Amino acid sequence: VRSLALVLLAACGGGLQNAAIVALRPACADGEFWTGTACKRGGDAPQKLAAGMQALAAQDLDAAKTDLDAVAKGGPLDHATNVTWWEQRGIAAAYVDDEAGAKRAFDMMLALDPGHFLSYTLSPKATFVFEQVRRAQTTPPALDVNWTRGGKVGEPVPLDIEVLADPKRFLDHATVFVHARGEPAWRAADVRLDAADEHLVLPPVAAKKPISLELYLRAYDAGGNEVLTWADAKRPREIALRYEPPTPWYRKWWVWAIAGSAVAI
């Protein structure tokens, strides 16, 4: 089990010792990926995958292999494309009686999406091998994100990102996406998943009322392919933060101290 601490500051006035606040970057749009310095359009992997699927359906196995092999050069792959790619590779291998190759592909597909099933209309050459792999399936990759409940605006909100299982050792890094509920745009922060203790401090969020922070996470392998998701933009998790208005000036201790001194004088 590997744990990393991710800390969000919900409003001005928070801070952690020896922790630098990182600048949140704008989240990349659909079809784009983060290069480390900027958002960039993805390659032609989806087109190559569609061509490979079409060739495979037509039983043109040579063309299917060519197109499916080309998918790797058109990445990085989003999660859905990644799952489908390994599925199609497994089917193609099964159709040419490469049982070992089919098992490797289906094993990776189930690691990416443990609940995935093949269509019952496929040839038994593929479904039989898939069922063998599915029955032998072990603990899938998993991570979890936790935080302390009862936080309030103006105080740090620590998040613990815990890698629960990574049998394929492909959880290399992750991106946490966050915004206040109701905001249209997402912001992002990147974190490594190979360190024992990594701290991020996201910049303050100004608020004068209770707010809920929405967040989700995507994990990637070393090549930038999306391999695991935790919640998503349509069904994010929420962190409720209560708001406590600042103490009025006339109720602050130093005002009464001055007043008391003046009366005494």
C-alpha atoms as a PDB file:
ATOM      1  CA  VAL A   1       0.000   0.000   0.000  1.00  0.00           C
ATOM      2  CA  ARG A   2       1.375   3.400  -0.978  1.00  0.00           C
ATOM      3  CA  SER A   3      -0.013   6.631   0.440  1.00  0.00           C
ATOM      4  CA  LEU A   4       0.381  10.206  -0.678  1.00  0.00           C
ATOM      5  CA  ALA A   5      -0.927  13.303   1.061  1.00  0.00           C
ATOM      6  CA  LEU A   6      -2.608  15.936  -1.070  1.00  0.00           C
ATOM      7  CA  VAL A   7      -3.644  19.141   0.676  1.00  0.00           C
ATOM      8  CA  LEU A   8      -6.162  21.669  -0.584  1.00  0.00           C
ATOM      9  CA  LEU A   9      -6.427  25.127   0.928  1.00  0.00           C
ATOM     10  CA  ALA A  10     -10.058  26.164   0.905  1.00  0.00           C
ATOM     11  CA  ALA A  11      -9.583  29.874   1.577  1.00  0.00           C
ATOM     12  CA  CYS A  12      -7.039  32.497   2.523  1.00  0.00           C
ATOM     13  CA  GLY A  13      -5.187  32.070   5.777  1.00  0.00           C
ATOM     14  CA  GLY A  14      -4.323  28.373   5.532  1.00  0.00           C
ATOM     15  CA  GLY A  15      -0.872  26.942   5.191  1.00  0.00           C
ATOM     16  CA  LEU A  16       1.410  24.025   5.934  1.00  0.00           C
ATOM     17  CA  GLN A  17       4.946  24.090   7.149  1.00  0.00           C
ATOM     18  CA  ASN A  18       7.563  23.315   4.504  1.00  0.00           C
ATOM     19  CA  ALA A  19       4.885  22.919   1.805  1.00  0.00           C
ATOM     20  CA  ALA A  20       4.894  25.175  -1.228  1.00  0.00           C
ATOM     21  CA  ILE A  21       1.604  26.131  -2.845  1.00  0.00           C
ATOM     22  CA  VAL A  22       1.429  24.866  -6.406  1.00  0.00           C
ATOM     23  CA  ALA A  23      -0.351  26.698  -9.186  1.00  0.00           C
ATOM     24  CA  LEU A  24      -3.439  24.891 -10.438  1.00  0.00           C
ATOM     25  CA  ARG A  25      -3.416  24.555 -14.178  1.00  0.00           C
ATOM     26  CA  PRO A  26      -6.514  24.583 -16.402  1.00  0.00           C
ATOM     27  CA  ALA A  27      -7.755  21.070 -17.094  1.00  0.00           C
ATOM     28  CA  CYS A  28      -7.208  19.869 -20.640  1.00  0.00           C
ATOM     29  CA  ALA A  29     -10.242  19.547 -22.897  1.00  0.00           C
ATOM     30  CA  ASP A  30     -11.591  16.208 -24.111  1.00  0.00           C
ATOM     31  CA  GLY A  31      -9.263  14.762 -26.716  1.00  0.00           C
ATOM     32  CA  GLU A  32      -6.243  16.562 -25.244  1.00  0.00           C
ATOM     33  CA  PHE A  33      -3.526  15.399 -22.873  1.00  0.00           C
ATOM     34  CA  TRP A  34      -1.090  17.184 -20.581  1.00  0.00           C
ATOM     35  CA  THR A  35       2.531  17.096 -21.759  1.00  0.00           C
ATOM     36  CA  GLY A  36       3.913  18.461 -18.512  1.00  0.00           C
ATOM     37  CA  THR A  37       3.980  22.001 -19.853  1.00  0.00           C
ATOM     38  CA  ALA A  38       0.832  22.387 -21.972  1.00  0.00           C
ATOM     39  CA  CYS A  39      -2.307  20.693 -23.273  1.00  0.00           C
ATOM     40  CA  LYS A  40      -1.849  18.984 -26.635  1.00  0.00           C
ATOM     41  CA  ARG A  41      -4.232  17.306 -29.027  1.00  0.00           C
ATOM     42  CA  GLY A  42      -4.100  13.520 -28.961  1.00  0.00           C
ATOM     43  CA  GLY A  43      -2.948  11.450 -31.904  1.00  0.00           C
ATOM     44  CA  ASP A  44      -4.935   9.275 -34.304  1.00  0.00           C
ATOM     45  CA  ALA A  45      -5.338   6.328 -31.929  1.00  0.00           C
ATOM     46  CA  PRO A  46      -9.168   6.462 -31.988  1.00  0.00           C
ATOM     47  CA  GLN A  47      -9.185   6.408 -35.798  1.00  0.00           C
ATOM     48  CA  LYS A  48      -6.712   3.541 -35.962  1.00  0.00           C
ATOM     49  CA  LEU A  49      -8.715   1.620 -33.368  1.00  0.00           C
ATOM     50  CA  ALA A  50     -11.947   2.126 -35.323  1.00  0.00           C
ATOM     51  CA  ALA A  51     -10.245   0.908 -38.502  1.00  0.00           C
ATOM     52  CA  GLY A  52      -8.871  -2.136 -36.669  1.00  0.00           C
ATOM     53  CA  MET A  53     -12.277  -2.979 -35.263  1.00  0.00           C
ATOM     54  CA  GLN A  54     -13.839  -2.697 -38.709  1.00  0.00           C
ATOM     55  CA  ALA A  55     -11.177  -4.959 -40.242  1.00  0.00           C
ATOM     56  CA  LEU A  56     -11.566  -7.474 -37.417  1.00  0.00           C
ATOM     57  CA  ALA A  57     -15.334  -7.578 -37.892  1.00  0.00           C
ATOM     58  CA  ALA A  58     -14.726  -8.265 -41.590  1.00  0.00           C
ATOM     59  CA  GLN A  59     -12.285 -11.069 -40.661  1.00  0.00           C
ATOM     60  CA  ASP A  60      -9.425  -9.225 -42.373  1.00  0.00           C
ATOM     61  CA  LEU A  61      -6.963 -10.256 -39.692  1.00  0.00           C
ATOM     62  CA  ASP A  62      -3.821  -8.898 -41.350  1.00  0.00           C
ATOM     63  CA  ALA A  63      -5.327  -5.415 -41.733  1.00  0.00           C
ATOM     64  CA  ALA A  64      -6.726  -5.597 -38.216  1.00  0.00           C
ATOM     65  CA  LYS A  65      -3.307  -6.394 -36.768  1.00  0.00           C
ATOM     66  CA  THR A  66      -1.702  -3.531 -38.698  1.00  0.00           C
ATOM     67  CA  ASP A  67      -4.256  -0.998 -37.490  1.00  0.00           C
ATOM     68  CA  LEU A  68      -4.306  -2.261 -33.906  1.00  0.00           C
ATOM     69  CA  ASP A  69      -0.503  -2.185 -33.713  1.00  0.00           C
ATOM     70  CA  ALA A  70      -0.607   1.417 -34.945  1.00  0.00           C
ATOM     71  CA  VAL A  71      -2.857   2.458 -32.044  1.00  0.00           C
ATOM     72  CA  ALA A  72       0.120   2.440 -29.675  1.00  0.00           C
ATOM     73  CA  LYS A  73       1.797   5.174 -31.738  1.00  0.00           C
ATOM     74  CA  GLY A  74      -1.287   7.385 -31.764  1.00  0.00           C
ATOM     75  CA  GLY A  75      -1.647   7.845 -28.017  1.00  0.00           C
ATOM     76  CA  PRO A  76      -1.750   8.590 -25.204  1.00  0.00           C
ATOM     77  CA  LEU A  77      -5.017   6.704 -24.802  1.00  0.00           C
ATOM     78  CA  ASP A  78      -7.976   7.712 -22.712  1.00  0.00           C
ATOM     79  CA  HIS A  79      -9.460   5.031 -20.475  1.00  0.00           C
ATOM     80  CA  ALA A  80     -12.262   3.898 -22.802  1.00  0.00           C
ATOM     81  CA  THR A  81      -9.928   3.688 -25.809  1.00  0.00           C
ATOM     82  CA  ASN A  82      -7.350   1.827 -23.750  1.00  0.00           C
ATOM     83  CA  VAL A  83      -9.872  -0.793 -22.607  1.00  0.00           C
ATOM     84  CA  THR A  84     -11.248  -1.300 -26.117  1.00  0.00           C
ATOM     85  CA  TRP A  85      -7.763  -1.539 -27.607  1.00  0.00           C
ATOM     86  CA  TRP A  86      -6.777  -4.416 -25.328  1.00  0.00           C
ATOM     87  CA  GLU A  87     -10.135  -6.075 -25.946  1.00  0.00           C
ATOM     88  CA  GLN A  88      -9.643  -5.981 -29.705  1.00  0.00           C
ATOM     89  CA  ARG A  89      -6.053  -7.180 -29.394  1.00  0.00           C
ATOM     90  CA  GLY A  90      -7.274 -10.148 -27.400  1.00  0.00           C
ATOM     91  CA  ILE A  91      -9.962 -10.994 -29.930  1.00  0.00           C
ATOM     92  CA  ALA A  92      -7.519 -10.670 -32.849  1.00  0.00           C
ATOM     93  CA  ALA A  93      -4.993 -12.944 -31.114  1.00  0.00           C
ATOM     94  CA  ALA A  94      -7.665 -15.527 -30.340  1.00  0.00           C
ATOM     95  CA  TYR A  95      -8.802 -15.560 -33.969  1.00  0.00           C
ATOM     96  CA  VAL A  96      -5.288 -16.541 -35.130  1.00  0.00           C
ATOM     97  CA  ASP A  97      -5.004 -19.182 -32.378  1.00  0.00           C
ATOM     98  CA  ASP A  98      -2.487 -17.168 -30.367  1.00  0.00           C
ATOM     99  CA  GLU A  99      -3.943 -18.236 -27.018  1.00  0.00           C
ATOM    100  CA  ALA A 100      -1.056 -16.862 -24.960  1.00  0.00           C
ATOM    101  CA  GLY A 101      -1.309 -13.458 -26.650  1.00  0.00           C
ATOM    102  CA  ALA A 102      -5.073 -13.415 -26.223  1.00  0.00           C
ATOM    103  CA  LYS A 103      -4.755 -14.211 -22.519  1.00  0.00           C
ATOM    104  CA  ARG A 104      -2.230 -11.410 -21.996  1.00  0.00           C
ATOM    105  CA  ALA A 105      -4.482  -8.927 -23.764  1.00  0.00           C
ATOM    106  CA  PHE A 106      -7.647  -9.965 -21.916  1.00  0.00           C
ATOM    107  CA  ASP A 107      -5.765  -9.930 -18.621  1.00  0.00           C
ATOM    108  CA  MET A 108      -4.731  -6.323 -19.230  1.00  0.00           C
ATOM    109  CA  MET A 109      -8.242  -5.401 -20.348  1.00  0.00           C
ATOM    110  CA  LEU A 110      -9.699  -6.756 -17.094  1.00  0.00           C
ATOM    111  CA  ALA A 111      -7.053  -4.928 -15.069  1.00  0.00           C
ATOM    112  CA  LEU A 112      -8.214  -1.690 -16.704  1.00  0.00           C
ATOM    113  CA  ASP A 113     -11.909  -2.549 -16.400  1.00  0.00           C
ATOM    114  CA  PRO A 114     -12.605  -5.482 -14.035  1.00  0.00           C
ATOM    115  CA  GLY A 115     -16.308  -5.601 -14.889  1.00  0.00           C
ATOM    116  CA  HIS A 116     -15.818  -5.757 -18.658  1.00  0.00           C
ATOM    117  CA  PHE A 117     -17.474  -8.541 -20.673  1.00  0.00           C
ATOM    118  CA  LEU A 118     -17.144  -9.627 -24.272  1.00  0.00           C
ATOM    119  CA  SER A 119     -20.143  -9.689 -26.574  1.00  0.00           C
ATOM    120  CA  TYR A 120     -21.838 -13.093 -26.598  1.00  0.00           C
ATOM    121  CA  THR A 121     -22.055 -12.859 -30.410  1.00  0.00           C
ATOM    122  CA  LEU A 122     -18.283 -13.257 -30.797  1.00  0.00           C
ATOM    123  CA  SER A 123     -16.696 -16.503 -31.887  1.00  0.00           C
ATOM    124  CA  PRO A 124     -16.115 -19.080 -29.120  1.00  0.00           C
ATOM    125  CA  LYS A 125     -12.437 -18.882 -30.050  1.00  0.00           C
ATOM    126  CA  ALA A 126     -12.400 -15.504 -28.266  1.00  0.00           C
ATOM    127  CA  THR A 127     -15.063 -15.958 -25.592  1.00  0.00           C
ATOM    128  CA  PHE A 128     -13.610 -19.274 -24.377  1.00  0.00           C
ATOM    129  CA  VAL A 129     -10.170 -17.752 -23.767  1.00  0.00           C
ATOM    130  CA  PHE A 130     -11.742 -14.684 -22.173  1.00  0.00           C
ATOM    131  CA  GLU A 131     -13.720 -16.799 -19.712  1.00  0.00           C
ATOM    132  CA  GLN A 132     -10.558 -18.609 -18.709  1.00  0.00           C
ATOM    133  CA  VAL A 133      -8.858 -15.306 -17.943  1.00  0.00           C
ATOM    134  CA  ARG A 134     -11.902 -13.897 -16.173  1.00  0.00           C
ATOM    135  CA  ARG A 135     -12.190 -16.901 -13.856  1.00  0.00           C
ATOM    136  CA  ALA A 136      -8.511 -16.595 -12.963  1.00  0.00           C
ATOM    137  CA  GLN A 137      -8.766 -12.843 -12.364  1.00  0.00           C
ATOM    138  CA  THR A 138      -6.900 -11.645  -9.273  1.00  0.00           C
ATOM    139  CA  THR A 139      -7.045  -8.422  -7.258  1.00  0.00           C
ATOM    140  CA  PRO A 140      -7.543  -5.522  -9.668  1.00  0.00           C
ATOM    141  CA  PRO A 141      -5.663  -2.203  -9.418  1.00  0.00           C
ATOM    142  CA  ALA A 142      -7.376   0.179  -7.009  1.00  0.00           C
ATOM    143  CA  LEU A 143      -6.842   3.455  -5.234  1.00  0.00           C
ATOM    144  CA  ASP A 144      -8.905   5.537  -2.861  1.00  0.00           C
ATOM    145  CA  VAL A 145      -9.089   9.185  -1.870  1.00  0.00           C
ATOM    146  CA  ASN A 146     -10.050  10.169   1.672  1.00  0.00           C
ATOM    147  CA  TRP A 147     -10.300  13.370   3.670  1.00  0.00           C
ATOM    148  CA  THR A 148     -11.334  14.508   7.131  1.00  0.00           C
ATOM    149  CA  ARG A 149     -15.006  15.460   7.375  1.00  0.00           C
ATOM    150  CA  GLY A 150     -16.180  18.652   9.045  1.00  0.00           C
ATOM    151  CA  GLY A 151     -13.775  21.057   7.392  1.00  0.00           C
ATOM    152  CA  LYS A 152     -14.503  24.729   7.020  1.00  0.00           C
ATOM    153  CA  VAL A 153     -13.647  27.513   4.635  1.00  0.00           C
ATOM    154  CA  GLY A 154     -10.322  29.020   5.551  1.00  0.00           C
ATOM    155  CA  GLU A 155      -8.699  25.828   6.775  1.00  0.00           C
ATOM    156  CA  PRO A 156      -6.596  23.249   4.908  1.00  0.00           C
ATOM    157  CA  VAL A 157      -8.439  20.199   3.600  1.00  0.00           C
ATOM    158  CA  PRO A 158      -6.021  17.243   3.518  1.00  0.00           C
ATOM    159  CA  LEU A 159      -6.606  14.443   1.039  1.00  0.00           C
ATOM    160  CA  ASP A 160      -5.003  11.020   1.352  1.00  0.00           C
ATOM    161  CA  ILE A 161      -4.489   9.276  -1.979  1.00  0.00           C
ATOM    162  CA  GLU A 162      -3.930   5.625  -1.199  1.00  0.00           C
ATOM    163  CA  VAL A 163      -2.869   3.024  -3.735  1.00  0.00           C
ATOM    164  CA  LEU A 164      -4.653  -0.094  -2.514  1.00  0.00           C
ATOM    165  CA  ALA A 165      -3.439  -2.482  -5.202  1.00  0.00           C
ATOM    166  CA  ASP A 166      -1.271  -2.237  -8.296  1.00  0.00           C
ATOM    167  CA  PRO A 167      -0.488  -5.775  -9.500  1.00  0.00           C
ATOM    168  CA  LYS A 168       0.472  -4.555 -12.976  1.00  0.00           C
ATOM    169  CA  ARG A 169       2.675  -1.797 -11.550  1.00  0.00           C
ATOM    170  CA  PHE A 170       1.225   0.650 -14.050  1.00  0.00           C
ATOM    171  CA  LEU A 171       0.008   3.354 -11.641  1.00  0.00           C
ATOM    172  CA  ASP A 172       2.724   5.898 -12.401  1.00  0.00           C
ATOM    173  CA  HIS A 173       1.095   9.296 -11.840  1.00  0.00           C
ATOM    174  CA  ALA A 174      -2.318  10.868 -11.383  1.00  0.00           C
ATOM    175  CA  THR A 175      -4.185  14.090 -11.927  1.00  0.00           C
ATOM    176  CA  VAL A 176      -6.669  15.444  -9.397  1.00  0.00           C
ATOM    177  CA  PHE A 177      -9.370  17.634 -10.912  1.00  0.00           C
ATOM    178  CA  VAL A 178     -11.130  20.083  -8.595  1.00  0.00           C
ATOM    179  CA  HIS A 179     -13.520  23.027  -8.633  1.00  0.00           C
ATOM    180  CA  ALA A 180     -16.174  24.588  -6.441  1.00  0.00           C
ATOM    181  CA  ARG A 181     -19.602  23.163  -7.196  1.00  0.00           C
ATOM    182  CA  GLY A 182     -21.334  25.208  -9.858  1.00  0.00           C
ATOM    183  CA  GLU A 183     -18.159  26.410 -11.541  1.00  0.00           C
ATOM    184  CA  PRO A 184     -17.993  25.340 -15.192  1.00  0.00           C
ATOM    185  CA  ALA A 185     -14.217  24.966 -15.456  1.00  0.00           C
ATOM    186  CA  TRP A 186     -12.065  22.357 -13.787  1.00  0.00           C
ATOM    187  CA  ARG A 187      -8.570  22.971 -12.472  1.00  0.00           C
ATOM    188  CA  ALA A 188      -5.956  20.261 -12.175  1.00  0.00           C
ATOM    189  CA  ALA A 189      -2.984  19.237 -10.056  1.00  0.00           C
ATOM    190  CA  ASP A 190      -0.584  16.437 -10.916  1.00  0.00           C
ATOM    191  CA  VAL A 191       0.966  14.004  -8.453  1.00  0.00           C
ATOM    192  CA  ARG A 192       3.364  11.090  -8.695  1.00  0.00           C
ATOM    193  CA  LEU A 193       2.195   7.702  -7.466  1.00  0.00           C
ATOM    194  CA  ASP A 194       5.637   6.179  -7.010  1.00  0.00           C
ATOM    195  CA  ALA A 195       6.701   8.112  -3.900  1.00  0.00           C
ATOM    196  CA  ALA A 196       6.095   7.105  -0.303  1.00  0.00           C
ATOM    197  CA  ASP A 197       4.973  10.573   0.752  1.00  0.00           C
ATOM    198  CA  GLU A 198       4.135  13.347  -1.699  1.00  0.00           C
ATOM    199  CA  HIS A 199       2.613  16.663  -0.639  1.00  0.00           C
ATOM    200  CA  LEU A 200       0.725  19.102  -2.813  1.00  0.00           C
ATOM    201  CA  VAL A 201      -0.797  22.317  -1.542  1.00  0.00           C
ATOM    202  CA  LEU A 202      -3.410  23.734  -3.848  1.00  0.00           C
ATOM    203  CA  PRO A 203      -3.911  27.507  -3.739  1.00  0.00           C
ATOM    204  CA  PRO A 204      -6.624  29.180  -1.644  1.00  0.00           C
ATOM    205  CA  VAL A 205     -10.217  29.451  -2.805  1.00  0.00           C
ATOM    206  CA  ALA A 206     -11.976  32.683  -1.834  1.00  0.00           C
ATOM    207  CA  ALA A 207     -15.450  32.125  -0.388  1.00  0.00           C
ATOM    208  CA  LYS A 208     -17.878  34.036   1.820  1.00  0.00           C
ATOM    209  CA  LYS A 209     -20.403  31.236   2.197  1.00  0.00           C
ATOM    210  CA  PRO A 210     -20.406  27.468   2.648  1.00  0.00           C
ATOM    211  CA  ILE A 211     -19.064  25.695  -0.412  1.00  0.00           C
ATOM    212  CA  SER A 212     -18.583  22.182  -1.697  1.00  0.00           C
ATOM    213  CA  LEU A 213     -15.439  21.240  -3.530  1.00  0.00           C
ATOM    214  CA  GLU A 214     -15.999  18.657  -6.264  1.00  0.00           C
ATOM    215  CA  LEU A 215     -13.184  16.398  -7.313  1.00  0.00           C
ATOM    216  CA  TYR A 216     -12.252  13.333  -9.298  1.00  0.00           C
ATOM    217  CA  LEU A 217      -9.012  11.620 -10.231  1.00  0.00           C
ATOM    218  CA  ARG A 218      -7.441   9.901 -13.201  1.00  0.00           C
ATOM    219  CA  ALA A 219      -4.361   7.691 -12.986  1.00  0.00           C
ATOM    220  CA  TYR A 220      -1.904   7.056 -15.819  1.00  0.00           C
ATOM    221  CA  ASP A 221       0.891   4.685 -16.700  1.00  0.00           C
ATOM    222  CA  ALA A 222       4.413   5.817 -17.567  1.00  0.00           C
ATOM    223  CA  GLY A 223       3.368   6.379 -21.191  1.00  0.00           C
ATOM    224  CA  GLY A 224       0.526   8.708 -20.235  1.00  0.00           C
ATOM    225  CA  ASN A 225      -2.231   6.208 -21.022  1.00  0.00           C
ATOM    226  CA  GLU A 226      -5.208   6.441 -18.680  1.00  0.00           C
ATOM    227  CA  VAL A 227      -5.397   3.245 -16.636  1.00  0.00           C
ATOM    228  CA  LEU A 228      -7.694   3.996 -13.703  1.00  0.00           C
ATOM    229  CA  THR A 229     -10.441   6.442 -12.815  1.00  0.00           C
ATOM    230  CA  TRP A 230     -11.808   7.493  -9.430  1.00  0.00           C
ATOM    231  CA  ALA A 231     -15.168   9.267  -9.801  1.00  0.00           C
ATOM    232  CA  ASP A 232     -15.534  11.478 -12.889  1.00  0.00           C
ATOM    233  CA  ALA A 233     -16.652  14.927 -14.020  1.00  0.00           C
ATOM    234  CA  LYS A 234     -20.305  13.865 -14.230  1.00  0.00           C
ATOM    235  CA  ARG A 235     -20.292  12.074 -10.872  1.00  0.00           C
ATOM    236  CA  PRO A 236     -17.602  13.770  -8.773  1.00  0.00           C
ATOM    237  CA  ARG A 237     -17.088  13.369  -5.065  1.00  0.00           C
ATOM    238  CA  GLU A 238     -17.831  16.335  -2.806  1.00  0.00           C
ATOM    239  CA  ILE A 239     -16.053  17.900   0.141  1.00  0.00           C
ATOM    240  CA  ALA A 240     -18.433  20.100   2.136  1.00  0.00           C
ATOM    241  CA  LEU A 241     -16.846  23.114   3.813  1.00  0.00           C
ATOM    242  CA  ARG A 242     -18.783  25.208   6.287  1.00  0.00           C
ATOM    243  CA  TYR A 243     -18.332  28.964   6.444  1.00  0.00           C
ATOM    244  CA  GLU A 244     -17.770  30.873   9.658  1.00  0.00           C
ATOM    245  CA  PRO A 245     -17.940  34.659   9.180  1.00  0.00           C
ATOM    246  CA  PRO A 246     -15.040  36.649  10.608  1.00  0.00           C
ATOM    247  CA  THR A 247     -15.456  38.002  14.136  1.00  0.00           C
ATOM    248  CA  PRO A 248     -16.819  41.611  14.049  1.00  0.00           C
ATOM    249  CA  TRP A 249     -14.200  44.164  15.004  1.00  0.00           C
ATOM    250  CA  TYR A 250     -16.114  45.207  18.105  1.00  0.00           C
ATOM    251  CA  ARG A 251     -15.996  41.644  19.454  1.00  0.00           C
ATOM    252  CA  LYS A 252     -12.277  41.120  19.041  1.00  0.00           C
ATOM    253  CA  TRP A 253     -10.230  40.822  22.212  1.00  0.00           C
ATOM    254  CA  TRP A 254      -7.839  43.618  21.388  1.00  0.00           C
ATOM    255  CA  VAL A 255     -10.712  46.122  21.011  1.00  0.00           C
ATOM    256  CA  TRP A 256     -11.944  45.282  24.499  1.00  0.00           C
ATOM    257  CA  ALA A 257      -8.409  45.394  25.841  1.00  0.00           C
ATOM    258  CA  ILE A 258      -7.923  48.906  24.489  1.00  0.00           C
ATOM    259  CA  ALA A 259     -11.331  49.959  25.793  1.00  0.00           C
ATOM    260  CA  GLY A 260     -10.576  48.510  29.220  1.00  0.00           C
ATOM    261  CA  SER A 261      -7.235  50.297  29.347  1.00  0.00           C
ATOM    262  CA  ALA A 262      -8.892  53.554  28.401  1.00  0.00           C
ATOM    263  CA  VAL A 263     -11.507  53.171  31.158  1.00  0.00           C
ATOM    264  CA  ALA A 264      -8.802  52.323  33.688  1.00  0.00           C
ATOM    265  CA  ILE A 265      -6.808  55.416  32.702  1.00  0.00           C
END
